[in-house]
N, C-alpha and C. Protein backbone atom coordinates (compact mmCIF):
# COMPACT_ATOMS: atom_id res chain seq x y z
N MET A 1 7.87 -7.75 14.97
CA MET A 1 6.81 -6.39 15.01
C MET A 1 7.55 -4.98 15.41
N SER A 2 8.39 -3.79 15.34
CA SER A 2 9.26 -3.39 15.74
C SER A 2 8.81 -2.05 17.24
N ASP A 3 9.64 -1.02 18.01
CA ASP A 3 9.84 -1.09 19.16
C ASP A 3 9.24 0.65 18.03
N PHE A 4 8.50 1.17 17.69
CA PHE A 4 8.81 2.35 16.59
C PHE A 4 7.01 2.48 17.18
N GLU A 5 6.84 3.57 17.40
CA GLU A 5 5.38 3.93 17.63
C GLU A 5 4.56 4.78 16.71
N GLY A 6 5.25 5.17 15.72
CA GLY A 6 4.20 6.35 14.78
C GLY A 6 5.04 6.73 15.04
N TYR A 7 4.67 8.77 13.87
CA TYR A 7 4.87 10.16 14.26
C TYR A 7 3.91 10.19 15.00
N GLY A 8 3.95 11.59 15.14
CA GLY A 8 2.58 12.36 16.20
C GLY A 8 2.10 13.18 15.24
N ILE A 9 1.12 13.64 15.01
CA ILE A 9 0.25 14.76 13.82
C ILE A 9 1.93 16.04 13.43
N ASN A 10 2.61 16.61 14.75
CA ASN A 10 3.09 17.86 15.08
C ASN A 10 4.29 17.34 14.46
N GLU A 11 4.63 15.65 14.04
CA GLU A 11 5.86 15.50 13.32
C GLU A 11 6.00 15.21 12.98
N LEU A 12 5.04 15.43 11.29
CA LEU A 12 4.90 15.08 10.46
C LEU A 12 4.98 16.29 9.38
N GLU A 13 5.91 16.45 8.08
CA GLU A 13 6.34 17.30 7.42
C GLU A 13 5.95 16.68 5.94
N VAL A 14 5.85 18.19 5.18
CA VAL A 14 5.63 18.33 3.54
C VAL A 14 6.64 17.74 2.98
N GLY A 15 6.40 16.18 1.96
CA GLY A 15 7.79 16.04 1.83
C GLY A 15 8.57 14.50 1.96
N GLN A 16 8.22 14.01 3.88
CA GLN A 16 8.78 12.81 4.28
C GLN A 16 8.15 11.38 3.15
N SER A 17 8.60 10.46 3.43
CA SER A 17 8.40 9.92 2.87
C SER A 17 8.82 8.22 3.08
N ALA A 18 8.16 6.96 3.13
CA ALA A 18 8.59 5.62 3.83
C ALA A 18 8.47 4.75 1.86
N GLU A 19 8.70 3.58 2.75
CA GLU A 19 9.03 2.03 1.01
C GLU A 19 9.96 0.78 1.70
N ILE A 20 8.01 0.56 1.34
CA ILE A 20 9.00 -1.01 1.40
C ILE A 20 8.81 -1.74 -0.14
N THR A 21 9.35 -2.97 -0.27
CA THR A 21 9.49 -4.28 -1.35
C THR A 21 9.13 -5.06 -0.54
N ARG A 22 8.03 -6.06 -1.47
CA ARG A 22 7.58 -7.43 -1.60
C ARG A 22 7.37 -7.68 -2.88
N LEU A 23 7.59 -8.61 -3.23
CA LEU A 23 7.44 -9.90 -3.89
C LEU A 23 6.54 -10.61 -4.05
N VAL A 24 6.09 -10.28 -5.41
CA VAL A 24 4.52 -11.50 -5.21
C VAL A 24 4.77 -12.22 -5.82
N ASP A 25 4.89 -13.22 -5.19
CA ASP A 25 4.54 -14.83 -6.02
C ASP A 25 3.36 -15.90 -5.22
N ASP A 26 3.55 -16.65 -5.65
CA ASP A 26 2.29 -17.66 -6.39
C ASP A 26 1.73 -17.42 -4.77
N ASN A 27 2.64 -17.86 -4.02
CA ASN A 27 2.20 -18.02 -2.40
C ASN A 27 1.34 -16.92 -2.13
N THR A 28 1.86 -15.64 -2.37
CA THR A 28 1.24 -15.17 -2.02
C THR A 28 -0.32 -14.49 -2.28
N VAL A 29 -0.36 -14.68 -3.64
CA VAL A 29 -1.21 -14.69 -4.59
C VAL A 29 -2.52 -15.84 -3.63
N LYS A 30 -2.10 -16.21 -3.87
CA LYS A 30 -3.16 -17.75 -2.76
C LYS A 30 -3.44 -17.21 -1.28
N GLN A 31 -2.43 -17.56 -0.37
CA GLN A 31 -2.94 -16.60 0.69
C GLN A 31 -3.85 -14.97 0.99
N PHE A 32 -3.76 -14.16 -0.33
CA PHE A 32 -4.79 -13.28 -0.68
C PHE A 32 -5.89 -13.80 -0.97
N ALA A 33 -5.57 -14.28 -1.78
CA ALA A 33 -7.44 -15.08 -1.95
C ALA A 33 -8.10 -15.78 -0.89
N GLU A 34 -7.74 -16.72 -0.19
CA GLU A 34 -7.93 -17.48 0.76
C GLU A 34 -8.16 -16.63 1.70
N VAL A 35 -7.66 -15.12 2.25
CA VAL A 35 -8.20 -14.28 3.39
C VAL A 35 -9.10 -12.86 2.35
N SER A 36 -8.91 -12.72 1.30
CA SER A 36 -10.40 -11.74 0.70
C SER A 36 -11.89 -12.64 0.42
N GLY A 37 -11.27 -14.13 -0.08
CA GLY A 37 -12.79 -14.77 -0.99
C GLY A 37 -12.44 -14.25 -2.44
N ASP A 38 -11.62 -13.96 -2.77
CA ASP A 38 -11.29 -13.77 -4.21
C ASP A 38 -10.66 -14.50 -4.41
N PHE A 39 -11.61 -15.09 -6.17
CA PHE A 39 -11.00 -16.11 -6.33
C PHE A 39 -10.49 -16.14 -8.36
N ASN A 40 -11.23 -15.10 -8.58
CA ASN A 40 -11.25 -14.38 -9.93
C ASN A 40 -10.17 -15.82 -10.52
N PRO A 41 -10.67 -16.22 -11.28
CA PRO A 41 -9.31 -17.13 -12.34
C PRO A 41 -8.39 -15.71 -13.01
N LEU A 42 -8.45 -14.28 -12.98
CA LEU A 42 -7.17 -14.08 -14.10
C LEU A 42 -6.46 -14.05 -12.54
N HIS A 43 -6.71 -14.03 -11.57
CA HIS A 43 -5.64 -14.53 -10.88
C HIS A 43 -5.11 -16.00 -10.25
N MET A 44 -5.41 -16.66 -10.84
CA MET A 44 -6.11 -18.10 -10.13
C MET A 44 -5.43 -19.43 -10.69
N ASP A 45 -5.64 -18.60 -12.14
CA ASP A 45 -5.85 -20.31 -13.51
C ASP A 45 -4.80 -19.80 -13.79
N GLU A 46 -3.64 -20.26 -14.93
CA GLU A 46 -3.15 -19.53 -15.47
C GLU A 46 -3.12 -20.16 -16.75
N ALA A 47 -3.96 -20.87 -17.25
CA ALA A 47 -4.65 -21.18 -18.42
C ALA A 47 -5.13 -20.53 -18.73
N TYR A 48 -6.61 -20.11 -17.86
CA TYR A 48 -8.13 -19.22 -18.22
C TYR A 48 -7.20 -17.39 -18.35
N ALA A 49 -6.04 -17.29 -17.75
CA ALA A 49 -5.36 -15.30 -17.59
C ALA A 49 -4.72 -15.69 -19.40
N ALA A 50 -3.94 -16.30 -19.60
CA ALA A 50 -3.76 -17.16 -19.99
C ALA A 50 -4.37 -16.20 -21.99
N ARG A 51 -5.82 -16.69 -21.93
CA ARG A 51 -6.73 -16.33 -23.05
C ARG A 51 -7.26 -14.38 -22.61
N SER A 52 -6.53 -14.26 -21.85
CA SER A 52 -7.26 -12.71 -21.01
C SER A 52 -6.20 -11.84 -22.01
N PRO A 53 -6.72 -10.56 -22.55
CA PRO A 53 -6.06 -9.61 -22.39
C PRO A 53 -4.01 -9.60 -21.81
N PHE A 54 -5.27 -9.47 -20.56
CA PHE A 54 -3.15 -9.66 -19.72
C PHE A 54 -2.99 -11.36 -20.32
N ARG A 55 -2.46 -11.80 -20.61
CA ARG A 55 -2.07 -12.69 -21.26
C ARG A 55 -1.25 -13.95 -20.22
N GLY A 56 -2.04 -13.79 -19.08
CA GLY A 56 -1.52 -14.48 -17.75
C GLY A 56 -1.80 -14.10 -16.45
N ARG A 57 -1.29 -14.80 -15.68
CA ARG A 57 -2.60 -13.96 -14.18
C ARG A 57 -1.62 -13.40 -13.39
N ILE A 58 -2.40 -12.61 -12.91
CA ILE A 58 -1.51 -10.66 -12.34
C ILE A 58 -2.63 -11.22 -11.22
N ALA A 59 -1.73 -10.06 -10.69
CA ALA A 59 -2.23 -9.93 -8.45
C ALA A 59 -3.74 -9.42 -8.76
N HIS A 60 -4.23 -9.28 -7.88
CA HIS A 60 -4.98 -8.86 -7.05
C HIS A 60 -4.91 -7.81 -6.93
N GLY A 61 -5.66 -6.56 -7.37
CA GLY A 61 -5.29 -5.14 -6.96
C GLY A 61 -5.59 -4.67 -5.41
N ALA A 62 -6.32 -5.17 -5.29
CA ALA A 62 -6.60 -4.83 -3.27
C ALA A 62 -5.26 -5.40 -2.77
N LEU A 63 -4.46 -6.38 -3.06
CA LEU A 63 -3.40 -6.75 -3.11
C LEU A 63 -2.53 -6.37 -2.68
N VAL A 64 -2.23 -5.30 -3.68
CA VAL A 64 -0.87 -4.56 -4.54
C VAL A 64 -1.45 -2.84 -3.48
N ALA A 65 -2.96 -2.65 -3.75
CA ALA A 65 -2.83 -1.18 -2.33
C ALA A 65 -2.54 -1.77 -1.58
N SER A 66 -2.93 -3.05 -0.44
CA SER A 66 -2.21 -3.34 1.12
C SER A 66 -1.00 -3.66 1.28
N PHE A 67 -0.32 -2.88 0.14
CA PHE A 67 1.10 -1.97 0.46
C PHE A 67 1.03 -0.88 0.70
N ILE A 68 -0.01 -0.13 0.57
CA ILE A 68 0.69 1.13 0.77
C ILE A 68 -0.25 1.02 2.65
N SER A 69 -1.01 0.06 2.90
CA SER A 69 -1.23 0.39 3.75
C SER A 69 -0.34 -0.24 4.78
N CYS A 70 0.47 -1.09 4.23
CA CYS A 70 1.80 -2.06 5.32
C CYS A 70 2.71 -0.31 5.66
N VAL A 71 2.56 0.91 4.56
CA VAL A 71 3.37 1.49 4.98
C VAL A 71 2.76 2.27 5.87
N LEU A 72 1.64 2.82 5.43
CA LEU A 72 1.11 4.17 6.43
C LEU A 72 0.54 3.26 7.58
N GLY A 73 0.36 1.94 7.64
CA GLY A 73 0.41 1.42 8.99
C GLY A 73 1.43 0.88 10.23
N ASN A 74 2.63 0.50 9.23
CA ASN A 74 3.76 0.42 9.76
C ASN A 74 5.45 1.93 10.08
N HIS A 75 4.74 2.53 9.61
CA HIS A 75 6.52 3.22 8.89
C HIS A 75 6.00 4.94 8.69
N LEU A 76 5.37 5.05 7.58
CA LEU A 76 4.88 6.62 7.88
C LEU A 76 3.17 6.86 7.50
N PRO A 77 2.35 7.37 8.82
CA PRO A 77 2.59 7.92 9.83
C PRO A 77 3.00 6.85 10.47
N GLY A 78 2.88 5.42 10.55
CA GLY A 78 2.85 4.32 11.26
C GLY A 78 1.89 3.61 12.18
N PRO A 79 1.94 2.77 13.33
CA PRO A 79 1.12 2.68 14.25
C PRO A 79 0.51 3.60 15.07
N GLY A 80 -0.87 3.93 15.20
CA GLY A 80 -1.68 4.61 15.60
C GLY A 80 -2.78 5.50 14.56
N ALA A 81 -2.08 4.83 13.15
CA ALA A 81 -2.69 5.50 12.31
C ALA A 81 -3.82 5.31 11.65
N VAL A 82 -4.76 5.61 11.28
CA VAL A 82 -6.07 4.89 11.12
C VAL A 82 -6.70 5.67 9.44
N PHE A 83 -7.00 5.43 8.23
CA PHE A 83 -7.15 5.11 7.10
C PHE A 83 -8.59 6.24 7.43
N ALA A 84 -8.71 7.54 6.35
CA ALA A 84 -9.75 8.63 6.64
C ALA A 84 -10.53 7.87 4.75
N GLY A 85 -9.41 7.73 3.91
CA GLY A 85 -9.94 7.52 2.62
C GLY A 85 -8.98 7.05 1.79
N MET A 86 -8.87 6.61 0.29
CA MET A 86 -7.86 6.50 -0.29
C MET A 86 -8.35 6.65 -1.50
N THR A 87 -8.23 6.59 -2.71
CA THR A 87 -8.92 6.46 -4.05
C THR A 87 -7.80 6.00 -5.17
N MET A 88 -7.70 5.02 -5.44
CA MET A 88 -6.26 4.13 -7.00
C MET A 88 -6.70 4.51 -8.23
N ARG A 89 -5.84 4.58 -8.59
CA ARG A 89 -5.51 4.28 -10.59
C ARG A 89 -4.20 3.57 -10.24
N PHE A 90 -5.26 2.38 -11.09
CA PHE A 90 -4.42 0.88 -11.97
C PHE A 90 -3.65 1.68 -13.20
N GLU A 91 -2.45 1.69 -13.55
CA GLU A 91 -2.03 1.74 -14.75
C GLU A 91 -1.18 0.67 -14.96
N ARG A 92 -0.94 -0.59 -15.18
CA ARG A 92 -0.76 -1.11 -15.67
C ARG A 92 -0.34 -2.77 -14.50
N PRO A 93 -1.05 -3.97 -14.89
CA PRO A 93 -0.82 -5.14 -13.61
C PRO A 93 0.29 -5.87 -13.39
N VAL A 94 0.18 -6.13 -11.92
CA VAL A 94 1.28 -6.63 -11.28
C VAL A 94 1.07 -8.25 -11.24
N ARG A 95 2.15 -8.89 -11.87
CA ARG A 95 2.99 -10.56 -12.34
C ARG A 95 2.89 -10.60 -11.40
N ILE A 96 2.27 -12.14 -11.35
CA ILE A 96 3.51 -12.93 -10.49
C ILE A 96 4.37 -13.38 -10.41
N GLY A 97 5.46 -12.99 -9.52
CA GLY A 97 7.18 -12.90 -9.53
C GLY A 97 7.81 -11.49 -9.83
N ASP A 98 6.66 -10.61 -9.91
CA ASP A 98 7.13 -9.43 -9.78
C ASP A 98 7.43 -8.91 -8.49
N THR A 99 8.29 -7.75 -8.15
CA THR A 99 8.83 -7.26 -6.78
C THR A 99 8.39 -6.05 -6.68
N VAL A 100 7.59 -5.64 -6.28
CA VAL A 100 6.31 -4.13 -5.76
C VAL A 100 7.42 -2.99 -5.20
N ILE A 101 7.36 -1.85 -5.27
CA ILE A 101 8.22 -0.60 -4.18
C ILE A 101 6.51 0.27 -4.06
N ALA A 102 6.30 0.18 -2.73
CA ALA A 102 5.29 0.86 -2.66
C ALA A 102 5.63 1.83 -1.68
N ARG A 103 5.39 3.03 -1.70
CA ARG A 103 6.09 4.35 -1.73
C ARG A 103 4.91 5.32 -1.33
N ALA A 104 5.05 5.69 0.12
CA ALA A 104 3.85 7.81 0.07
C ALA A 104 4.50 8.49 1.10
N THR A 105 4.04 9.82 0.32
CA THR A 105 5.07 11.11 0.83
C THR A 105 4.32 12.41 1.09
N VAL A 106 4.36 12.56 2.15
CA VAL A 106 3.61 12.82 3.14
C VAL A 106 3.44 14.46 1.85
N THR A 107 2.38 14.78 1.81
CA THR A 107 1.90 16.31 1.25
C THR A 107 1.19 16.89 1.44
N GLU A 108 0.58 16.90 2.42
CA GLU A 108 -0.31 17.85 3.49
C GLU A 108 -0.61 17.71 4.55
N VAL A 109 -0.25 18.62 5.54
CA VAL A 109 -0.58 17.85 7.12
C VAL A 109 -1.36 19.42 8.06
N ASP A 110 -2.50 18.80 8.29
CA ASP A 110 -3.29 19.68 8.33
C ASP A 110 -3.25 18.83 10.53
N ILE A 111 -2.38 20.20 11.29
CA ILE A 111 -2.10 19.98 12.14
C ILE A 111 -3.93 19.60 13.26
N LYS A 112 -4.39 20.99 12.99
CA LYS A 112 -5.53 21.03 13.99
C LYS A 112 -6.48 19.53 13.77
N ALA A 113 -7.16 19.29 12.46
CA ALA A 113 -8.05 17.71 12.52
C ALA A 113 -7.40 16.84 12.40
N ARG A 114 -6.08 17.23 12.59
CA ARG A 114 -4.95 15.82 12.63
C ARG A 114 -4.96 14.59 11.75
N ARG A 115 -5.05 15.03 10.63
CA ARG A 115 -5.30 14.15 9.09
C ARG A 115 -4.12 15.22 7.92
N VAL A 116 -3.68 13.51 7.42
CA VAL A 116 -2.33 13.77 6.55
C VAL A 116 -2.30 13.14 5.73
N LYS A 117 -2.19 13.66 4.17
CA LYS A 117 -2.29 13.96 2.81
C LYS A 117 -1.33 12.96 3.00
N LEU A 118 -1.06 12.07 1.08
CA LEU A 118 0.38 11.36 1.36
C LEU A 118 0.33 10.95 0.05
N ALA A 119 0.68 11.34 -1.47
CA ALA A 119 0.66 10.65 -2.41
C ALA A 119 1.95 9.78 -2.31
N CYS A 120 0.62 8.62 -2.87
CA CYS A 120 1.26 6.85 -2.71
C CYS A 120 1.76 6.39 -4.02
N VAL A 121 2.86 4.91 -4.79
CA VAL A 121 2.61 4.73 -5.65
C VAL A 121 3.56 2.95 -5.85
N CYS A 122 3.03 2.50 -6.45
CA CYS A 122 2.99 1.37 -6.61
C CYS A 122 4.22 1.01 -7.79
N GLU A 123 5.46 0.32 -7.76
CA GLU A 123 6.57 0.72 -9.10
C GLU A 123 6.95 -1.21 -9.50
N VAL A 124 7.16 -1.57 -10.80
CA VAL A 124 7.52 -2.82 -10.20
C VAL A 124 8.62 -1.81 -11.87
N GLU A 125 9.68 -2.61 -11.42
CA GLU A 125 11.37 -2.48 -12.60
C GLU A 125 11.27 -0.64 -12.97
N GLY A 126 10.52 0.10 -12.45
CA GLY A 126 10.30 1.54 -12.14
C GLY A 126 9.49 1.94 -12.42
N GLN A 127 8.30 0.77 -13.31
CA GLN A 127 7.24 1.35 -13.36
C GLN A 127 5.78 1.52 -13.17
N THR A 128 4.85 2.59 -12.97
CA THR A 128 3.91 2.57 -12.19
C THR A 128 2.89 1.82 -12.28
N CYS A 129 2.64 1.15 -11.13
CA CYS A 129 1.38 -0.03 -11.55
C CYS A 129 0.20 0.54 -10.57
N MET A 130 0.15 1.74 -9.87
CA MET A 130 -0.18 2.15 -9.50
C MET A 130 -0.34 3.38 -8.29
N GLU A 131 -0.78 4.27 -8.52
CA GLU A 131 -1.14 5.42 -8.15
C GLU A 131 -2.20 5.34 -7.03
N ALA A 132 -2.18 6.29 -5.92
CA ALA A 132 -2.82 6.55 -5.14
C ALA A 132 -3.01 7.77 -3.86
N ASP A 133 -4.19 8.30 -3.88
CA ASP A 133 -3.87 9.83 -3.23
C ASP A 133 -4.98 9.27 -1.12
N ALA A 134 -4.25 8.82 -0.41
CA ALA A 134 -4.52 8.74 1.15
C ALA A 134 -4.89 9.68 1.25
N GLU A 135 -5.18 9.36 3.10
CA GLU A 135 -6.02 9.88 3.38
C GLU A 135 -6.04 9.61 5.00
N VAL A 136 -5.32 10.48 6.09
CA VAL A 136 -4.71 9.27 7.57
C VAL A 136 -5.12 10.07 8.62
N ILE A 137 -5.72 9.84 9.46
CA ILE A 137 -5.52 10.45 10.75
C ILE A 137 -5.05 9.61 11.32
N VAL A 138 -4.37 10.75 12.45
CA VAL A 138 -3.05 10.67 13.26
C VAL A 138 -2.77 11.28 14.28
N ARG A 139 -2.39 10.43 15.44
CA ARG A 139 -2.48 11.16 16.31
C ARG A 139 -1.86 11.87 16.90
N LYS A 140 -2.48 12.68 18.25
CA LYS A 140 -1.98 14.26 18.56
C LYS A 140 0.10 14.42 18.34
N ARG A 141 -0.06 13.01 19.32
CA ARG A 141 1.25 12.66 19.56
C ARG A 141 2.13 11.28 19.69
N ARG A 142 3.34 11.48 19.64
CA ARG A 142 3.77 10.08 20.39
C ARG A 142 3.67 9.35 21.99
N LYS A 143 3.46 8.28 22.17
CA LYS A 143 3.29 7.91 23.51
C LYS A 143 4.27 9.29 24.46
N SER A 144 4.75 8.51 25.31
CA SER A 144 6.17 9.44 25.67
C SER A 144 6.79 8.49 26.75
N PRO A 145 7.92 7.72 26.30
CA PRO A 145 8.31 7.62 27.12
C PRO A 145 8.41 7.12 28.80
N ALA A 146 8.46 5.46 28.58
CA ALA A 146 7.83 5.16 30.02
C ALA A 146 9.21 5.29 31.09
């Protein structure tokens, strides 16, 4: 954990962005299946998935979306921010072994309502696998130093 306490609503500006990088390996997919309860064979069974239109296992879409949650909850706006909503569009699958870059960019700041809208994208090797629009509620200001 870091000492970063998140941005207050008055510290956010259109154009600010943050990103993370995550490797989607077999262990990550198995752990996500355990937590979510989603054991769809497209994610878990290579022989089954090989016969699908994807021609191999793919990561859970919700796992990929959770990387955006990581950006929003830990980096921008950061600790104290709460999801108000998110719409997602999946462009291509994330495969086992892919490295995902998840990025969020502030597109709108409503100081009075304490809400921020962000354009979010997840990419693998420069290709978009998911796009999302997120809205989060942000606290008024950071905690004062002790």
